[in-house]
Amino acid sequence: RILYVSSEVVPYLPETEISSMSFEAPRMVNKQGGQIRIFMPRYGNINE
């Protein structure tokens, strides 16, 4: 079980080193059969 806590994640925010790795690392663990949760802030510029 891996909890990812990030200030930014793609595809919800533009691509940066942080937002990309905050997506790629969970995706990798997910593919390996791990259980994951991702948390990020709900900034006002995220299109709900």
ModelCIF file with pLDDT and N, C-alpha, C, O atoms, coordinates in Angstrom:
data_MODEL
#
_entry.id   MODEL 
#
_entity.id                         1 
_entity.type                       polymer 
_entity.pdbx_number_of_molecules   1 
#
_entity_poly.entity_id                      1 
_entity_poly.type                           'polypeptide(L)' 
_entity_poly.nstd_linkage                   no 
_entity_poly.nstd_monomer                   no 
_entity_poly.pdbx_seq_one_letter_code       RILYVSSEVVPYLPETEISSMSFEAPRMVNKQGGQIRIFMPRYGNINE 
_entity_poly.pdbx_seq_one_letter_code_can   RILYVSSEVVPYLPETEISSMSFEAPRMVNKQGGQIRIFMPRYGNINE 
_entity_poly.pdbx_strand_id                 A 
#
loop_
_entity_poly_seq.entity_id 
_entity_poly_seq.num 
_entity_poly_seq.mon_id 
_entity_poly_seq.hetero 
1 1  ARG n 
1 2  ILE n 
1 3  LEU n 
1 4  TYR n 
1 5  VAL n 
1 6  SER n 
1 7  SER n 
1 8  GLU n 
1 9  VAL n 
1 10 VAL n 
1 11 PRO n 
1 12 TYR n 
1 13 LEU n 
1 14 PRO n 
1 15 GLU n 
1 16 THR n 
1 17 GLU n 
1 18 ILE n 
1 19 SER n 
1 20 SER n 
1 21 MET n 
1 22 SER n 
1 23 PHE n 
1 24 GLU n 
1 25 ALA n 
1 26 PRO n 
1 27 ARG n 
1 28 MET n 
1 29 VAL n 
1 30 ASN n 
1 31 LYS n 
1 32 GLN n 
1 33 GLY n 
1 34 GLY n 
1 35 GLN n 
1 36 ILE n 
1 37 ARG n 
1 38 ILE n 
1 39 PHE n 
1 40 MET n 
1 41 PRO n 
1 42 ARG n 
1 43 TYR n 
1 44 GLY n 
1 45 ASN n 
1 46 ILE n 
1 47 ASN n 
1 48 GLU n 
#
_struct_asym.id          A 
_struct_asym.entity_id   1 
#
loop_
_ma_qa_metric.id 
_ma_qa_metric.mode 
_ma_qa_metric.name 
_ma_qa_metric.software_group_id 
_ma_qa_metric.type 
1 global pLDDT . pLDDT 
2 local  pLDDT . pLDDT 
#
_ma_qa_metric_global.metric_id      1 
_ma_qa_metric_global.metric_value   95.58 
_ma_qa_metric_global.model_id       1 
_ma_qa_metric_global.ordinal_id     1 
#
loop_
_ma_qa_metric_local.label_asym_id 
_ma_qa_metric_local.label_comp_id 
_ma_qa_metric_local.label_seq_id 
_ma_qa_metric_local.metric_id 
_ma_qa_metric_local.metric_value 
_ma_qa_metric_local.model_id 
_ma_qa_metric_local.ordinal_id 
A ARG 1  2 97.00 1 1  
A ILE 2  2 97.00 1 2  
A LEU 3  2 98.00 1 3  
A TYR 4  2 98.00 1 4  
A VAL 5  2 98.00 1 5  
A SER 6  2 98.00 1 6  
A SER 7  2 97.00 1 7  
A GLU 8  2 96.00 1 8  
A VAL 9  2 96.00 1 9  
A VAL 10 2 94.00 1 10 
A PRO 11 2 94.00 1 11 
A TYR 12 2 95.00 1 12 
A LEU 13 2 95.00 1 13 
A PRO 14 2 94.00 1 14 
A GLU 15 2 95.00 1 15 
A THR 16 2 95.00 1 16 
A GLU 17 2 95.00 1 17 
A ILE 18 2 96.00 1 18 
A SER 19 2 96.00 1 19 
A SER 20 2 96.00 1 20 
A MET 21 2 96.00 1 21 
A SER 22 2 97.00 1 22 
A PHE 23 2 96.00 1 23 
A GLU 24 2 96.00 1 24 
A ALA 25 2 97.00 1 25 
A PRO 26 2 97.00 1 26 
A ARG 27 2 96.00 1 27 
A MET 28 2 96.00 1 28 
A VAL 29 2 96.00 1 29 
A ASN 30 2 95.00 1 30 
A LYS 31 2 94.00 1 31 
A GLN 32 2 96.00 1 32 
A GLY 33 2 95.00 1 33 
A GLY 34 2 96.00 1 34 
A GLN 35 2 95.00 1 35 
A ILE 36 2 95.00 1 36 
A ARG 37 2 96.00 1 37 
A ILE 38 2 98.00 1 38 
A PHE 39 2 98.00 1 39 
A MET 40 2 98.00 1 40 
A PRO 41 2 97.00 1 41 
A ARG 42 2 96.00 1 42 
A TYR 43 2 96.00 1 43 
A GLY 44 2 92.00 1 44 
A ASN 45 2 92.00 1 45 
A ILE 46 2 93.00 1 46 
A ASN 47 2 90.00 1 47 
A GLU 48 2 89.00 1 48 
#
loop_
_atom_site.group_PDB 
_atom_site.id 
_atom_site.type_symbol 
_atom_site.label_atom_id 
_atom_site.label_alt_id 
_atom_site.label_comp_id 
_atom_site.label_asym_id 
_atom_site.label_entity_id 
_atom_site.label_seq_id 
_atom_site.pdbx_PDB_ins_code 
_atom_site.Cartn_x 
_atom_site.Cartn_y 
_atom_site.Cartn_z 
_atom_site.occupancy 
_atom_site.B_iso_or_equiv 
_atom_site.pdbx_formal_charge 
_atom_site.auth_seq_id 
_atom_site.auth_comp_id 
_atom_site.auth_asym_id 
_atom_site.auth_atom_id 
_atom_site.pdbx_PDB_model_num 
ATOM 1   N N  . ARG A 1 1  ? 0.850   -1.198 0.000   1.00 97.00 ? 1  ARG A N  1 
ATOM 2   C CA . ARG A 1 1  ? 0.000   0.000  0.000   1.00 97.00 ? 1  ARG A CA 1 
ATOM 3   C C  . ARG A 1 1  ? 0.886   1.249  0.000   1.00 97.00 ? 1  ARG A C  1 
ATOM 4   O O  . ARG A 1 1  ? 1.680   1.464  0.915   1.00 97.00 ? 1  ARG A O  1 
ATOM 5   N N  . ILE A 1 2  ? 0.733   2.054  -1.032  1.00 97.00 ? 2  ILE A N  1 
ATOM 6   C CA . ILE A 1 2  ? 1.569   3.261  -1.116  1.00 97.00 ? 2  ILE A CA 1 
ATOM 7   C C  . ILE A 1 2  ? 0.674   4.493  -1.267  1.00 97.00 ? 2  ILE A C  1 
ATOM 8   O O  . ILE A 1 2  ? -0.169  4.581  -2.160  1.00 97.00 ? 2  ILE A O  1 
ATOM 9   N N  . LEU A 1 3  ? 0.896   5.430  -0.360  1.00 98.00 ? 3  LEU A N  1 
ATOM 10  C CA . LEU A 1 3  ? 0.174   6.694  -0.376  1.00 98.00 ? 3  LEU A CA 1 
ATOM 11  C C  . LEU A 1 3  ? 1.086   7.754  -0.997  1.00 98.00 ? 3  LEU A C  1 
ATOM 12  O O  . LEU A 1 3  ? 2.171   8.027  -0.483  1.00 98.00 ? 3  LEU A O  1 
ATOM 13  N N  . TYR A 1 4  ? 0.643   8.341  -2.095  1.00 98.00 ? 4  TYR A N  1 
ATOM 14  C CA . TYR A 1 4  ? 1.394   9.429  -2.743  1.00 98.00 ? 4  TYR A CA 1 
ATOM 15  C C  . TYR A 1 4  ? 0.747   10.762 -2.366  1.00 98.00 ? 4  TYR A C  1 
ATOM 16  O O  . TYR A 1 4  ? -0.441  10.983 -2.602  1.00 98.00 ? 4  TYR A O  1 
ATOM 17  N N  . VAL A 1 5  ? 1.550   11.635 -1.781  1.00 98.00 ? 5  VAL A N  1 
ATOM 18  C CA . VAL A 1 5  ? 1.056   12.950 -1.366  1.00 98.00 ? 5  VAL A CA 1 
ATOM 19  C C  . VAL A 1 5  ? 1.869   13.984 -2.137  1.00 98.00 ? 5  VAL A C  1 
ATOM 20  O O  . VAL A 1 5  ? 3.083   14.097 -1.963  1.00 98.00 ? 5  VAL A O  1 
ATOM 21  N N  . SER A 1 6  ? 1.179   14.737 -2.993  1.00 98.00 ? 6  SER A N  1 
ATOM 22  C CA . SER A 1 6  ? 1.915   15.591 -3.918  1.00 98.00 ? 6  SER A CA 1 
ATOM 23  C C  . SER A 1 6  ? 1.273   16.965 -4.050  1.00 98.00 ? 6  SER A C  1 
ATOM 24  O O  . SER A 1 6  ? 0.056   17.114 -3.948  1.00 98.00 ? 6  SER A O  1 
ATOM 25  N N  . SER A 1 7  ? 2.116   17.963 -4.277  1.00 97.00 ? 7  SER A N  1 
ATOM 26  C CA . SER A 1 7  ? 1.588   19.309 -4.500  1.00 97.00 ? 7  SER A CA 1 
ATOM 27  C C  . SER A 1 7  ? 1.004   19.453 -5.905  1.00 97.00 ? 7  SER A C  1 
ATOM 28  O O  . SER A 1 7  ? 0.235   20.378 -6.164  1.00 97.00 ? 7  SER A O  1 
ATOM 29  N N  . GLU A 1 8  ? 1.366   18.541 -6.817  1.00 96.00 ? 8  GLU A N  1 
ATOM 30  C CA . GLU A 1 8  ? 0.825   18.631 -8.185  1.00 96.00 ? 8  GLU A CA 1 
ATOM 31  C C  . GLU A 1 8  ? 0.919   17.276 -8.883  1.00 96.00 ? 8  GLU A C  1 
ATOM 32  O O  . GLU A 1 8  ? 1.857   16.510 -8.661  1.00 96.00 ? 8  GLU A O  1 
ATOM 33  N N  . VAL A 1 9  ? -0.063  16.999 -9.724  1.00 96.00 ? 9  VAL A N  1 
ATOM 34  C CA . VAL A 1 9  ? -0.128  15.713 -10.432 1.00 96.00 ? 9  VAL A CA 1 
ATOM 35  C C  . VAL A 1 9  ? -0.689  15.970 -11.828 1.00 96.00 ? 9  VAL A C  1 
ATOM 36  O O  . VAL A 1 9  ? -1.681  16.685 -11.970 1.00 96.00 ? 9  VAL A O  1 
ATOM 37  N N  . VAL A 1 10 ? -0.065  15.392 -12.869 1.00 94.00 ? 10 VAL A N  1 
ATOM 38  C CA . VAL A 1 10 ? -0.727  15.400 -14.178 1.00 94.00 ? 10 VAL A CA 1 
ATOM 39  C C  . VAL A 1 10 ? -1.775  14.287 -14.153 1.00 94.00 ? 10 VAL A C  1 
ATOM 40  O O  . VAL A 1 10 ? -1.557  13.278 -13.482 1.00 94.00 ? 10 VAL A O  1 
ATOM 41  N N  . PRO A 1 11 ? -2.888  14.424 -14.844 1.00 94.00 ? 11 PRO A N  1 
ATOM 42  C CA . PRO A 1 11 ? -3.241  15.431 -15.856 1.00 94.00 ? 11 PRO A CA 1 
ATOM 43  C C  . PRO A 1 11 ? -3.966  16.668 -15.305 1.00 94.00 ? 11 PRO A C  1 
ATOM 44  O O  . PRO A 1 11 ? -4.492  17.472 -16.075 1.00 94.00 ? 11 PRO A O  1 
ATOM 45  N N  . TYR A 1 12 ? -3.995  16.818 -13.981 1.00 95.00 ? 12 TYR A N  1 
ATOM 46  C CA . TYR A 1 12 ? -4.810  17.903 -13.401 1.00 95.00 ? 12 TYR A CA 1 
ATOM 47  C C  . TYR A 1 12 ? -4.107  19.255 -13.458 1.00 95.00 ? 12 TYR A C  1 
ATOM 48  O O  . TYR A 1 12 ? -4.754  20.302 -13.442 1.00 95.00 ? 12 TYR A O  1 
ATOM 49  N N  . LEU A 1 13 ? -2.778  19.224 -13.523 1.00 95.00 ? 13 LEU A N  1 
ATOM 50  C CA . LEU A 1 13 ? -1.986  20.445 -13.634 1.00 95.00 ? 13 LEU A CA 1 
ATOM 51  C C  . LEU A 1 13 ? -0.953  20.251 -14.738 1.00 95.00 ? 13 LEU A C  1 
ATOM 52  O O  . LEU A 1 13 ? -0.686  19.114 -15.128 1.00 95.00 ? 13 LEU A O  1 
ATOM 53  N N  . PRO A 1 14 ? -0.361  21.337 -15.255 1.00 94.00 ? 14 PRO A N  1 
ATOM 54  C CA . PRO A 1 14 ? 0.629   21.203 -16.332 1.00 94.00 ? 14 PRO A CA 1 
ATOM 55  C C  . PRO A 1 14 ? 1.816   20.317 -15.939 1.00 94.00 ? 14 PRO A C  1 
ATOM 56  O O  . PRO A 1 14 ? 2.082   20.072 -14.762 1.00 94.00 ? 14 PRO A O  1 
ATOM 57  N N  . GLU A 1 15 ? 2.511   19.851 -16.971 1.00 95.00 ? 15 GLU A N  1 
ATOM 58  C CA . GLU A 1 15 ? 3.616   18.912 -16.756 1.00 95.00 ? 15 GLU A CA 1 
ATOM 59  C C  . GLU A 1 15 ? 4.845   19.615 -16.183 1.00 95.00 ? 15 GLU A C  1 
ATOM 60  O O  . GLU A 1 15 ? 5.360   20.570 -16.764 1.00 95.00 ? 15 GLU A O  1 
ATOM 61  N N  . THR A 1 16 ? 5.303   19.125 -15.037 1.00 95.00 ? 16 THR A N  1 
ATOM 62  C CA . THR A 1 16 ? 6.577   19.539 -14.435 1.00 95.00 ? 16 THR A CA 1 
ATOM 63  C C  . THR A 1 16 ? 7.244   18.272 -13.950 1.00 95.00 ? 16 THR A C  1 
ATOM 64  O O  . THR A 1 16 ? 6.661   17.191 -14.040 1.00 95.00 ? 16 THR A O  1 
ATOM 65  N N  . GLU A 1 17 ? 8.465   18.386 -13.432 1.00 95.00 ? 17 GLU A N  1 
ATOM 66  C CA . GLU A 1 17 ? 9.118   17.196 -12.866 1.00 95.00 ? 17 GLU A CA 1 
ATOM 67  C C  . GLU A 1 17 ? 8.260   16.577 -11.766 1.00 95.00 ? 17 GLU A C  1 
ATOM 68  O O  . GLU A 1 17 ? 8.087   15.360 -11.707 1.00 95.00 ? 17 GLU A O  1 
ATOM 69  N N  . ILE A 1 18 ? 7.730   17.430 -10.902 1.00 96.00 ? 18 ILE A N  1 
ATOM 70  C CA . ILE A 1 18 ? 6.943   16.914 -9.770  1.00 96.00 ? 18 ILE A CA 1 
ATOM 71  C C  . ILE A 1 18 ? 5.628   16.307 -10.249 1.00 96.00 ? 18 ILE A C  1 
ATOM 72  O O  . ILE A 1 18 ? 5.286   15.189 -9.865  1.00 96.00 ? 18 ILE A O  1 
ATOM 73  N N  . SER A 1 19 ? 4.889   17.035 -11.087 1.00 96.00 ? 19 SER A N  1 
ATOM 74  C CA . SER A 1 19 ? 3.569   16.535 -11.497 1.00 96.00 ? 19 SER A CA 1 
ATOM 75  C C  . SER A 1 19 ? 3.694   15.254 -12.328 1.00 96.00 ? 19 SER A C  1 
ATOM 76  O O  . SER A 1 19 ? 2.838   14.374 -12.240 1.00 96.00 ? 19 SER A O  1 
ATOM 77  N N  . SER A 1 20 ? 4.757   15.147 -13.133 1.00 96.00 ? 20 SER A N  1 
ATOM 78  C CA . SER A 1 20 ? 4.962   13.939 -13.951 1.00 96.00 ? 20 SER A CA 1 
ATOM 79  C C  . SER A 1 20 ? 5.312   12.731 -13.081 1.00 96.00 ? 20 SER A C  1 
ATOM 80  O O  . SER A 1 20 ? 4.723   11.661 -13.233 1.00 96.00 ? 20 SER A O  1 
ATOM 81  N N  . MET A 1 21 ? 6.282   12.907 -12.158 1.00 96.00 ? 21 MET A N  1 
ATOM 82  C CA . MET A 1 21 ? 6.670   11.770 -11.312 1.00 96.00 ? 21 MET A CA 1 
ATOM 83  C C  . MET A 1 21 ? 5.553   11.383 -10.348 1.00 96.00 ? 21 MET A C  1 
ATOM 84  O O  . MET A 1 21 ? 5.455   10.227 -9.937  1.00 96.00 ? 21 MET A O  1 
ATOM 85  N N  . SER A 1 22 ? 4.711   12.356 -9.990  1.00 97.00 ? 22 SER A N  1 
ATOM 86  C CA . SER A 1 22 ? 3.587   12.062 -9.093  1.00 97.00 ? 22 SER A CA 1 
ATOM 87  C C  . SER A 1 22 ? 2.496   11.264 -9.806  1.00 97.00 ? 22 SER A C  1 
ATOM 88  O O  . SER A 1 22 ? 1.574   10.751 -9.171  1.00 97.00 ? 22 SER A O  1 
ATOM 89  N N  . PHE A 1 23 ? 2.610   11.169 -11.110 1.00 96.00 ? 23 PHE A N  1 
ATOM 90  C CA . PHE A 1 23 ? 1.729   10.300 -11.890 1.00 96.00 ? 23 PHE A CA 1 
ATOM 91  C C  . PHE A 1 23 ? 2.452   9.001  -12.268 1.00 96.00 ? 23 PHE A C  1 
ATOM 92  O O  . PHE A 1 23 ? 1.892   7.912  -12.136 1.00 96.00 ? 23 PHE A O  1 
ATOM 93  N N  . GLU A 1 24 ? 3.705   9.126  -12.740 1.00 96.00 ? 24 GLU A N  1 
ATOM 94  C CA . GLU A 1 24 ? 4.418   7.948  -13.254 1.00 96.00 ? 24 GLU A CA 1 
ATOM 95  C C  . GLU A 1 24 ? 4.718   6.917  -12.154 1.00 96.00 ? 24 GLU A C  1 
ATOM 96  O O  . GLU A 1 24 ? 4.576   5.716  -12.385 1.00 96.00 ? 24 GLU A O  1 
ATOM 97  N N  . ALA A 1 25 ? 5.126   7.369  -10.973 1.00 97.00 ? 25 ALA A N  1 
ATOM 98  C CA . ALA A 1 25 ? 5.463   6.424  -9.900  1.00 97.00 ? 25 ALA A CA 1 
ATOM 99  C C  . ALA A 1 25 ? 4.232   5.626  -9.436  1.00 97.00 ? 25 ALA A C  1 
ATOM 100 O O  . ALA A 1 25 ? 4.313   4.403  -9.319  1.00 97.00 ? 25 ALA A O  1 
ATOM 101 N N  . PRO A 1 26 ? 3.092   6.291  -9.170  1.00 97.00 ? 26 PRO A N  1 
ATOM 102 C CA . PRO A 1 26 ? 1.911   5.502  -8.817  1.00 97.00 ? 26 PRO A CA 1 
ATOM 103 C C  . PRO A 1 26 ? 1.464   4.557  -9.933  1.00 97.00 ? 26 PRO A C  1 
ATOM 104 O O  . PRO A 1 26 ? 1.036   3.432  -9.673  1.00 97.00 ? 26 PRO A O  1 
ATOM 105 N N  . ARG A 1 27 ? 1.567   5.027  -11.171 1.00 96.00 ? 27 ARG A N  1 
ATOM 106 C CA . ARG A 1 27 ? 1.170   4.161  -12.289 1.00 96.00 ? 27 ARG A CA 1 
ATOM 107 C C  . ARG A 1 27 ? 2.032   2.901  -12.323 1.00 96.00 ? 27 ARG A C  1 
ATOM 108 O O  . ARG A 1 27 ? 1.537   1.803  -12.579 1.00 96.00 ? 27 ARG A O  1 
ATOM 109 N N  . MET A 1 28 ? 3.339   3.077  -12.059 1.00 96.00 ? 28 MET A N  1 
ATOM 110 C CA . MET A 1 28 ? 4.250   1.934  -12.043 1.00 96.00 ? 28 MET A CA 1 
ATOM 111 C C  . MET A 1 28 ? 3.847   0.933  -10.947 1.00 96.00 ? 28 MET A C  1 
ATOM 112 O O  . MET A 1 28 ? 3.768   -0.269 -11.200 1.00 96.00 ? 28 MET A O  1 
ATOM 113 N N  . VAL A 1 29 ? 3.595   1.431  -9.739  1.00 96.00 ? 29 VAL A N  1 
ATOM 114 C CA . VAL A 1 29 ? 3.224   0.543  -8.621  1.00 96.00 ? 29 VAL A CA 1 
ATOM 115 C C  . VAL A 1 29 ? 1.881   -0.128 -8.903  1.00 96.00 ? 29 VAL A C  1 
ATOM 116 O O  . VAL A 1 29 ? 1.687   -1.302 -8.588  1.00 96.00 ? 29 VAL A O  1 
ATOM 117 N N  . ASN A 1 30 ? 0.966   0.618  -9.493  1.00 95.00 ? 30 ASN A N  1 
ATOM 118 C CA . ASN A 1 30 ? -0.345  0.088  -9.851  1.00 95.00 ? 30 ASN A CA 1 
ATOM 119 C C  . ASN A 1 30 ? -0.210  -1.097 -10.809 1.00 95.00 ? 30 ASN A C  1 
ATOM 120 O O  . ASN A 1 30 ? -0.880  -2.119 -10.664 1.00 95.00 ? 30 ASN A O  1 
ATOM 121 N N  . LYS A 1 31 ? 0.680   -0.926 -11.793 1.00 94.00 ? 31 LYS A N  1 
ATOM 122 C CA . LYS A 1 31 ? 0.905   -2.009 -12.773 1.00 94.00 ? 31 LYS A CA 1 
ATOM 123 C C  . LYS A 1 31 ? 1.523   -3.237 -12.120 1.00 94.00 ? 31 LYS A C  1 
ATOM 124 O O  . LYS A 1 31 ? 1.332   -4.360 -12.587 1.00 94.00 ? 31 LYS A O  1 
ATOM 125 N N  . GLN A 1 32 ? 2.265   -3.018 -11.037 1.00 96.00 ? 32 GLN A N  1 
ATOM 126 C CA . GLN A 1 32 ? 2.907   -4.149 -10.349 1.00 96.00 ? 32 GLN A CA 1 
ATOM 127 C C  . GLN A 1 32 ? 1.988   -4.815 -9.327  1.00 96.00 ? 32 GLN A C  1 
ATOM 128 O O  . GLN A 1 32 ? 2.396   -5.723 -8.602  1.00 96.00 ? 32 GLN A O  1 
ATOM 129 N N  . GLY A 1 33 ? 0.747   -4.352 -9.283  1.00 95.00 ? 33 GLY A N  1 
ATOM 130 C CA . GLY A 1 33 ? -0.210  -4.988 -8.363  1.00 95.00 ? 33 GLY A CA 1 
ATOM 131 C C  . GLY A 1 33 ? -0.248  -4.369 -6.986  1.00 95.00 ? 33 GLY A C  1 
ATOM 132 O O  . GLY A 1 33 ? -0.852  -4.929 -6.072  1.00 95.00 ? 33 GLY A O  1 
ATOM 133 N N  . GLY A 1 34 ? 0.392   -3.210 -6.821  1.00 96.00 ? 34 GLY A N  1 
ATOM 134 C CA . GLY A 1 34 ? 0.314   -2.517 -5.539  1.00 96.00 ? 34 GLY A CA 1 
ATOM 135 C C  . GLY A 1 34 ? -0.994  -1.763 -5.413  1.00 96.00 ? 34 GLY A C  1 
ATOM 136 O O  . GLY A 1 34 ? -1.676  -1.510 -6.407  1.00 96.00 ? 34 GLY A O  1 
ATOM 137 N N  . GLN A 1 35 ? -1.341  -1.405 -4.179  1.00 95.00 ? 35 GLN A N  1 
ATOM 138 C CA . GLN A 1 35 ? -2.535  -0.579 -3.938  1.00 95.00 ? 35 GLN A CA 1 
ATOM 139 C C  . GLN A 1 35 ? -2.060  0.855  -3.708  1.00 95.00 ? 35 GLN A C  1 
ATOM 140 O O  . GLN A 1 35 ? -1.147  1.093  -2.918  1.00 95.00 ? 35 GLN A O  1 
ATOM 141 N N  . ILE A 1 36 ? -2.677  1.796  -4.393  1.00 95.00 ? 36 ILE A N  1 
ATOM 142 C CA . ILE A 1 36 ? -2.216  3.172  -4.235  1.00 95.00 ? 36 ILE A CA 1 
ATOM 143 C C  . ILE A 1 36 ? -3.369  4.133  -4.010  1.00 95.00 ? 36 ILE A C  1 
ATOM 144 O O  . ILE A 1 36 ? -4.508  3.893  -4.412  1.00 95.00 ? 36 ILE A O  1 
ATOM 145 N N  . ARG A 1 37 ? -3.028  5.224  -3.356  1.00 96.00 ? 37 ARG A N  1 
ATOM 146 C CA . ARG A 1 37 ? -3.905  6.383  -3.220  1.00 96.00 ? 37 ARG A CA 1 
ATOM 147 C C  . ARG A 1 37 ? -3.040  7.601  -3.525  1.00 96.00 ? 37 ARG A C  1 
ATOM 148 O O  . ARG A 1 37 ? -1.875  7.654  -3.130  1.00 96.00 ? 37 ARG A O  1 
ATOM 149 N N  . ILE A 1 38 ? -3.609  8.579  -4.227  1.00 98.00 ? 38 ILE A N  1 
ATOM 150 C CA . ILE A 1 38 ? -2.892  9.837  -4.493  1.00 98.00 ? 38 ILE A CA 1 
ATOM 151 C C  . ILE A 1 38 ? -3.699  10.974 -3.870  1.00 98.00 ? 38 ILE A C  1 
ATOM 152 O O  . ILE A 1 38 ? -4.922  11.029 -4.001  1.00 98.00 ? 38 ILE A O  1 
ATOM 153 N N  . PHE A 1 39 ? -2.995  11.878 -3.190  1.00 98.00 ? 39 PHE A N  1 
ATOM 154 C CA . PHE A 1 39 ? -3.635  13.086 -2.646  1.00 98.00 ? 39 PHE A CA 1 
ATOM 155 C C  . PHE A 1 39 ? -2.935  14.317 -3.194  1.00 98.00 ? 39 PHE A C  1 
ATOM 156 O O  . PHE A 1 39 ? -1.710  14.351 -3.304  1.00 98.00 ? 39 PHE A O  1 
ATOM 157 N N  . MET A 1 40 ? -3.728  15.330 -3.537  1.00 98.00 ? 40 MET A N  1 
ATOM 158 C CA . MET A 1 40 ? -3.176  16.613 -3.966  1.00 98.00 ? 40 MET A CA 1 
ATOM 159 C C  . MET A 1 40 ? -4.154  17.726 -3.574  1.00 98.00 ? 40 MET A C  1 
ATOM 160 O O  . MET A 1 40 ? -5.312  17.435 -3.278  1.00 98.00 ? 40 MET A O  1 
ATOM 161 N N  . PRO A 1 41 ? -3.720  18.993 -3.563  1.00 97.00 ? 41 PRO A N  1 
ATOM 162 C CA . PRO A 1 41 ? -4.659  20.079 -3.284  1.00 97.00 ? 41 PRO A CA 1 
ATOM 163 C C  . PRO A 1 41 ? -5.602  20.297 -4.459  1.00 97.00 ? 41 PRO A C  1 
ATOM 164 O O  . PRO A 1 41 ? -5.246  20.040 -5.609  1.00 97.00 ? 41 PRO A O  1 
ATOM 165 N N  . ARG A 1 42 ? -6.821  20.779 -4.156  1.00 96.00 ? 42 ARG A N  1 
ATOM 166 C CA . ARG A 1 42 ? -7.777  21.092 -5.220  1.00 96.00 ? 42 ARG A CA 1 
ATOM 167 C C  . ARG A 1 42 ? -7.669  22.595 -5.517  1.00 96.00 ? 42 ARG A C  1 
ATOM 168 O O  . ARG A 1 42 ? -8.509  23.390 -5.095  1.00 96.00 ? 42 ARG A O  1 
ATOM 169 N N  . TYR A 1 43 ? -6.617  22.961 -6.251  1.00 96.00 ? 43 TYR A N  1 
ATOM 170 C CA . TYR A 1 43 ? -6.436  24.370 -6.616  1.00 96.00 ? 43 TYR A CA 1 
ATOM 171 C C  . TYR A 1 43 ? -7.603  24.843 -7.486  1.00 96.00 ? 43 TYR A C  1 
ATOM 172 O O  . TYR A 1 43 ? -8.255  24.047 -8.161  1.00 96.00 ? 43 TYR A O  1 
ATOM 173 N N  . GLY A 1 44 ? -7.851  26.162 -7.453  1.00 92.00 ? 44 GLY A N  1 
ATOM 174 C CA . GLY A 1 44 ? -8.957  26.732 -8.211  1.00 92.00 ? 44 GLY A CA 1 
ATOM 175 C C  . GLY A 1 44 ? -8.779  26.687 -9.718  1.00 92.00 ? 44 GLY A C  1 
ATOM 176 O O  . GLY A 1 44 ? -9.741  26.891 -10.459 1.00 92.00 ? 44 GLY A O  1 
ATOM 177 N N  . ASN A 1 45 ? -7.546  26.421 -10.190 1.00 92.00 ? 45 ASN A N  1 
ATOM 178 C CA . ASN A 1 45 ? -7.345  26.346 -11.645 1.00 92.00 ? 45 ASN A CA 1 
ATOM 179 C C  . ASN A 1 45 ? -7.481  24.918 -12.176 1.00 92.00 ? 45 ASN A C  1 
ATOM 180 O O  . ASN A 1 45 ? -7.167  24.665 -13.339 1.00 92.00 ? 45 ASN A O  1 
ATOM 181 N N  . ILE A 1 46 ? -7.940  23.991 -11.353 1.00 93.00 ? 46 ILE A N  1 
ATOM 182 C CA . ILE A 1 46 ? -8.238  22.638 -11.833 1.00 93.00 ? 46 ILE A CA 1 
ATOM 183 C C  . ILE A 1 46 ? -9.687  22.629 -12.316 1.00 93.00 ? 46 ILE A C  1 
ATOM 184 O O  . ILE A 1 46 ? -10.604 23.001 -11.583 1.00 93.00 ? 46 ILE A O  1 
ATOM 185 N N  . ASN A 1 47 ? -9.869  22.203 -13.539 1.00 90.00 ? 47 ASN A N  1 
ATOM 186 C CA . ASN A 1 47 ? -11.212 22.208 -14.134 1.00 90.00 ? 47 ASN A CA 1 
ATOM 187 C C  . ASN A 1 47 ? -12.011 20.994 -13.625 1.00 90.00 ? 47 ASN A C  1 
ATOM 188 O O  . ASN A 1 47 ? -11.789 19.858 -14.043 1.00 90.00 ? 47 ASN A O  1 
ATOM 189 N N  . GLU A 1 48 ? -12.940 21.278 -12.715 1.00 89.00 ? 48 GLU A N  1 
ATOM 190 C CA . GLU A 1 48 ? -13.672 20.176 -12.067 1.00 89.00 ? 48 GLU A CA 1 
ATOM 191 C C  . GLU A 1 48 ? -14.564 19.417 -13.043 1.00 89.00 ? 48 GLU A C  1 
ATOM 192 O O  . GLU A 1 48 ? -15.241 18.467 -12.651 1.00 89.00 ? 48 GLU A O  1 
#
